[in-house]
Amino acid sequence: MLLPDKSMVVSLLRRFRAWEVVLLAEPHDLAKGCRRLADVAYTLCVLMGQRTTRDAISEAEFYLGWARSVVPAAVARSRGGNSAS
């Protein structure tokens, strides 16, 4: 199985978080940030092989070792468990 380049995953996560901050700081100017946030979210989903942004971010953080003792939902499902265990 091919794994994504970690530096690319880090870059995408940082960009995603930066656009989140922009949208939260300037909710009246959605046209600027929504499209860029959606583009980064889509790229994360494709790169991490996930269907939702939430799962892609969780998977990316797990892949990078940023998540502590939390198993991504997609991994838990593939193991036959739930994400809370």
N, C-alpha and C. Protein backbone atom coordinates (compact mmCIF):
# COMPACT_ATOMS: atom_id res chain seq x y z
N MET A 1 0.84 -1.18 0.00
CA MET A 1 0.00 0.00 0.00
C MET A 1 0.89 1.24 0.00
N LEU A 2 0.57 2.16 -0.86
CA LEU A 2 1.31 3.42 -0.92
C LEU A 2 0.83 4.35 0.18
N LEU A 3 1.77 5.03 0.81
CA LEU A 3 1.43 6.00 1.85
C LEU A 3 1.79 7.40 1.37
N PRO A 4 1.00 8.39 1.76
CA PRO A 4 1.28 9.76 1.32
C PRO A 4 2.54 10.31 1.98
N ASP A 5 3.16 11.25 1.31
CA ASP A 5 4.33 11.94 1.83
C ASP A 5 3.92 12.72 3.08
N LYS A 6 4.63 12.49 4.17
CA LYS A 6 4.25 13.14 5.43
C LYS A 6 4.34 14.65 5.36
N SER A 7 5.30 15.18 4.62
CA SER A 7 5.40 16.64 4.53
C SER A 7 4.19 17.23 3.81
N MET A 8 3.64 16.50 2.85
CA MET A 8 2.44 16.95 2.15
C MET A 8 1.23 16.93 3.09
N VAL A 9 1.14 15.88 3.89
CA VAL A 9 0.03 15.77 4.84
C VAL A 9 0.11 16.91 5.86
N VAL A 10 1.30 17.19 6.36
CA VAL A 10 1.49 18.30 7.30
C VAL A 10 1.06 19.61 6.66
N SER A 11 1.51 19.83 5.44
CA SER A 11 1.18 21.06 4.72
C SER A 11 -0.34 21.21 4.55
N LEU A 12 -1.00 20.15 4.16
CA LEU A 12 -2.45 20.20 3.97
C LEU A 12 -3.19 20.44 5.28
N LEU A 13 -2.76 19.78 6.34
CA LEU A 13 -3.41 20.00 7.64
C LEU A 13 -3.23 21.45 8.10
N ARG A 14 -2.05 21.99 7.90
CA ARG A 14 -1.81 23.40 8.28
C ARG A 14 -2.67 24.34 7.45
N ARG A 15 -2.76 24.07 6.15
CA ARG A 15 -3.60 24.92 5.29
C ARG A 15 -5.07 24.81 5.68
N PHE A 16 -5.51 23.60 5.98
CA PHE A 16 -6.90 23.41 6.40
C PHE A 16 -7.19 24.21 7.66
N ARG A 17 -6.32 24.08 8.65
CA ARG A 17 -6.52 24.80 9.92
C ARG A 17 -6.45 26.32 9.70
N ALA A 18 -5.57 26.77 8.83
CA ALA A 18 -5.46 28.21 8.56
C ALA A 18 -6.75 28.75 7.93
N TRP A 19 -7.32 28.01 6.98
CA TRP A 19 -8.56 28.46 6.35
C TRP A 19 -9.73 28.38 7.32
N GLU A 20 -9.70 27.42 8.23
CA GLU A 20 -10.72 27.37 9.29
C GLU A 20 -10.69 28.65 10.11
N VAL A 21 -9.48 29.07 10.47
CA VAL A 21 -9.32 30.30 11.27
C VAL A 21 -9.84 31.50 10.50
N VAL A 22 -9.50 31.58 9.21
CA VAL A 22 -9.96 32.70 8.38
C VAL A 22 -11.49 32.75 8.36
N LEU A 23 -12.11 31.61 8.14
CA LEU A 23 -13.58 31.57 8.07
C LEU A 23 -14.23 31.90 9.41
N LEU A 24 -13.62 31.48 10.48
CA LEU A 24 -14.18 31.80 11.80
C LEU A 24 -13.98 33.27 12.14
N ALA A 25 -12.87 33.84 11.68
CA ALA A 25 -12.58 35.25 11.96
C ALA A 25 -13.40 36.19 11.07
N GLU A 26 -13.70 35.74 9.85
CA GLU A 26 -14.42 36.58 8.90
C GLU A 26 -15.61 35.83 8.30
N PRO A 27 -16.60 35.49 9.12
CA PRO A 27 -17.73 34.70 8.61
C PRO A 27 -18.58 35.44 7.58
N HIS A 28 -18.46 36.75 7.53
CA HIS A 28 -19.21 37.54 6.55
C HIS A 28 -18.62 37.45 5.15
N ASP A 29 -17.39 36.97 5.04
CA ASP A 29 -16.70 36.88 3.75
C ASP A 29 -16.50 35.41 3.37
N LEU A 30 -17.59 34.69 3.21
CA LEU A 30 -17.51 33.26 2.96
C LEU A 30 -16.97 32.91 1.58
N ALA A 31 -17.20 33.77 0.62
CA ALA A 31 -16.77 33.47 -0.75
C ALA A 31 -15.27 33.24 -0.83
N LYS A 32 -14.52 33.99 -0.05
CA LYS A 32 -13.06 33.88 -0.11
C LYS A 32 -12.56 32.55 0.43
N GLY A 33 -13.06 32.16 1.58
CA GLY A 33 -12.48 31.01 2.26
C GLY A 33 -13.13 29.67 2.01
N CYS A 34 -14.42 29.67 1.75
CA CYS A 34 -15.13 28.39 1.61
C CYS A 34 -14.57 27.52 0.50
N ARG A 35 -14.32 28.11 -0.63
CA ARG A 35 -13.82 27.34 -1.77
C ARG A 35 -12.44 26.77 -1.48
N ARG A 36 -11.58 27.58 -0.90
CA ARG A 36 -10.22 27.11 -0.60
C ARG A 36 -10.24 26.03 0.48
N LEU A 37 -11.07 26.22 1.50
CA LEU A 37 -11.20 25.20 2.55
C LEU A 37 -11.73 23.90 1.95
N ALA A 38 -12.71 24.00 1.08
CA ALA A 38 -13.27 22.81 0.43
C ALA A 38 -12.23 22.11 -0.43
N ASP A 39 -11.41 22.87 -1.14
CA ASP A 39 -10.36 22.28 -1.97
C ASP A 39 -9.35 21.50 -1.13
N VAL A 40 -8.92 22.11 -0.03
CA VAL A 40 -7.96 21.45 0.86
C VAL A 40 -8.60 20.21 1.49
N ALA A 41 -9.85 20.33 1.91
CA ALA A 41 -10.55 19.20 2.52
C ALA A 41 -10.66 18.04 1.53
N TYR A 42 -11.01 18.35 0.28
CA TYR A 42 -11.12 17.31 -0.75
C TYR A 42 -9.77 16.61 -0.96
N THR A 43 -8.71 17.40 -1.04
CA THR A 43 -7.38 16.83 -1.24
C THR A 43 -6.99 15.92 -0.07
N LEU A 44 -7.29 16.35 1.15
CA LEU A 44 -7.03 15.50 2.32
C LEU A 44 -7.81 14.19 2.24
N CYS A 45 -9.07 14.28 1.84
CA CYS A 45 -9.89 13.07 1.72
C CYS A 45 -9.30 12.09 0.71
N VAL A 46 -8.90 12.60 -0.43
CA VAL A 46 -8.31 11.75 -1.46
C VAL A 46 -6.98 11.16 -0.99
N LEU A 47 -6.14 12.00 -0.43
CA LEU A 47 -4.81 11.57 0.01
C LEU A 47 -4.89 10.52 1.11
N MET A 48 -5.84 10.68 2.02
CA MET A 48 -5.95 9.76 3.15
C MET A 48 -6.93 8.62 2.89
N GLY A 49 -7.59 8.64 1.72
CA GLY A 49 -8.50 7.56 1.36
C GLY A 49 -9.76 7.52 2.21
N GLN A 50 -10.28 8.69 2.54
CA GLN A 50 -11.46 8.79 3.39
C GLN A 50 -12.58 9.52 2.65
N ARG A 51 -13.81 9.29 3.09
CA ARG A 51 -14.97 9.92 2.45
C ARG A 51 -15.35 11.26 3.06
N THR A 52 -15.04 11.45 4.33
CA THR A 52 -15.43 12.69 4.99
C THR A 52 -14.20 13.46 5.45
N THR A 53 -14.37 14.76 5.56
CA THR A 53 -13.26 15.60 6.01
C THR A 53 -12.85 15.22 7.43
N ARG A 54 -13.83 14.99 8.27
CA ARG A 54 -13.53 14.62 9.66
C ARG A 54 -12.68 13.35 9.73
N ASP A 55 -13.07 12.33 8.96
CA ASP A 55 -12.29 11.09 8.94
C ASP A 55 -10.90 11.30 8.34
N ALA A 56 -10.82 12.13 7.31
CA ALA A 56 -9.52 12.40 6.67
C ALA A 56 -8.57 13.10 7.64
N ILE A 57 -9.08 14.08 8.37
CA ILE A 57 -8.24 14.79 9.34
C ILE A 57 -7.82 13.86 10.46
N SER A 58 -8.75 13.07 10.94
CA SER A 58 -8.43 12.11 11.99
C SER A 58 -7.37 11.11 11.53
N GLU A 59 -7.54 10.61 10.33
CA GLU A 59 -6.59 9.66 9.76
C GLU A 59 -5.22 10.31 9.56
N ALA A 60 -5.21 11.54 9.07
CA ALA A 60 -3.95 12.25 8.85
C ALA A 60 -3.22 12.49 10.16
N GLU A 61 -3.94 12.90 11.18
CA GLU A 61 -3.31 13.14 12.49
C GLU A 61 -2.79 11.84 13.08
N PHE A 62 -3.53 10.76 12.91
CA PHE A 62 -3.07 9.45 13.38
C PHE A 62 -1.82 9.03 12.61
N TYR A 63 -1.83 9.20 11.31
CA TYR A 63 -0.70 8.85 10.45
C TYR A 63 0.56 9.61 10.84
N LEU A 64 0.39 10.86 11.21
CA LEU A 64 1.54 11.69 11.59
C LEU A 64 1.95 11.49 13.04
N GLY A 65 1.15 10.76 13.79
CA GLY A 65 1.46 10.56 15.20
C GLY A 65 1.03 11.71 16.07
N TRP A 66 0.15 12.56 15.54
CA TRP A 66 -0.32 13.72 16.30
C TRP A 66 -1.45 13.35 17.24
N ALA A 67 -2.19 12.30 16.90
CA ALA A 67 -3.31 11.88 17.74
C ALA A 67 -2.78 10.95 18.83
N ARG A 68 -3.25 11.15 20.04
CA ARG A 68 -2.80 10.32 21.15
C ARG A 68 -3.94 9.42 21.61
N SER A 69 -3.68 8.15 21.59
CA SER A 69 -4.60 7.12 22.11
C SER A 69 -6.02 7.20 21.54
N VAL A 70 -6.16 7.81 20.41
CA VAL A 70 -7.47 7.86 19.75
C VAL A 70 -7.33 7.17 18.40
N VAL A 71 -8.09 6.14 18.20
CA VAL A 71 -8.05 5.41 16.94
C VAL A 71 -9.01 6.08 15.98
N PRO A 72 -8.54 6.45 14.76
CA PRO A 72 -9.44 7.07 13.79
C PRO A 72 -10.66 6.19 13.54
N ALA A 73 -11.78 6.83 13.29
CA ALA A 73 -13.04 6.13 13.09
C ALA A 73 -12.93 5.08 11.98
N ALA A 74 -12.26 5.44 10.89
CA ALA A 74 -12.14 4.51 9.77
C ALA A 74 -11.34 3.27 10.16
N VAL A 75 -10.31 3.45 10.97
CA VAL A 75 -9.50 2.31 11.42
C VAL A 75 -10.33 1.44 12.34
N ALA A 76 -11.06 2.06 13.26
CA ALA A 76 -11.90 1.30 14.19
C ALA A 76 -12.95 0.50 13.43
N ARG A 77 -13.56 1.11 12.41
CA ARG A 77 -14.57 0.40 11.62
C ARG A 77 -13.95 -0.78 10.90
N SER A 78 -12.74 -0.60 10.36
CA SER A 78 -12.10 -1.68 9.63
C SER A 78 -11.71 -2.83 10.56
N ARG A 79 -11.53 -2.52 11.84
CA ARG A 79 -11.20 -3.54 12.83
C ARG A 79 -12.45 -4.14 13.46
N GLY A 80 -13.61 -3.66 13.05
CA GLY A 80 -14.85 -4.20 13.56
C GLY A 80 -15.32 -3.60 14.86
N GLY A 81 -14.69 -2.51 15.29
CA GLY A 81 -15.08 -1.86 16.54
C GLY A 81 -15.71 -0.52 16.27
N ASN A 82 -15.88 0.25 17.33
CA ASN A 82 -16.34 1.63 17.14
C ASN A 82 -15.22 2.57 17.50
N SER A 83 -15.36 3.85 17.16
CA SER A 83 -14.27 4.80 17.35
C SER A 83 -14.06 5.16 18.81
N ALA A 84 -14.98 4.79 19.70
CA ALA A 84 -14.84 5.12 21.11
C ALA A 84 -13.99 4.11 21.86
N SER A 85 -13.72 2.96 21.26
CA SER A 85 -12.97 1.95 21.99
C SER A 85 -11.51 1.98 21.67
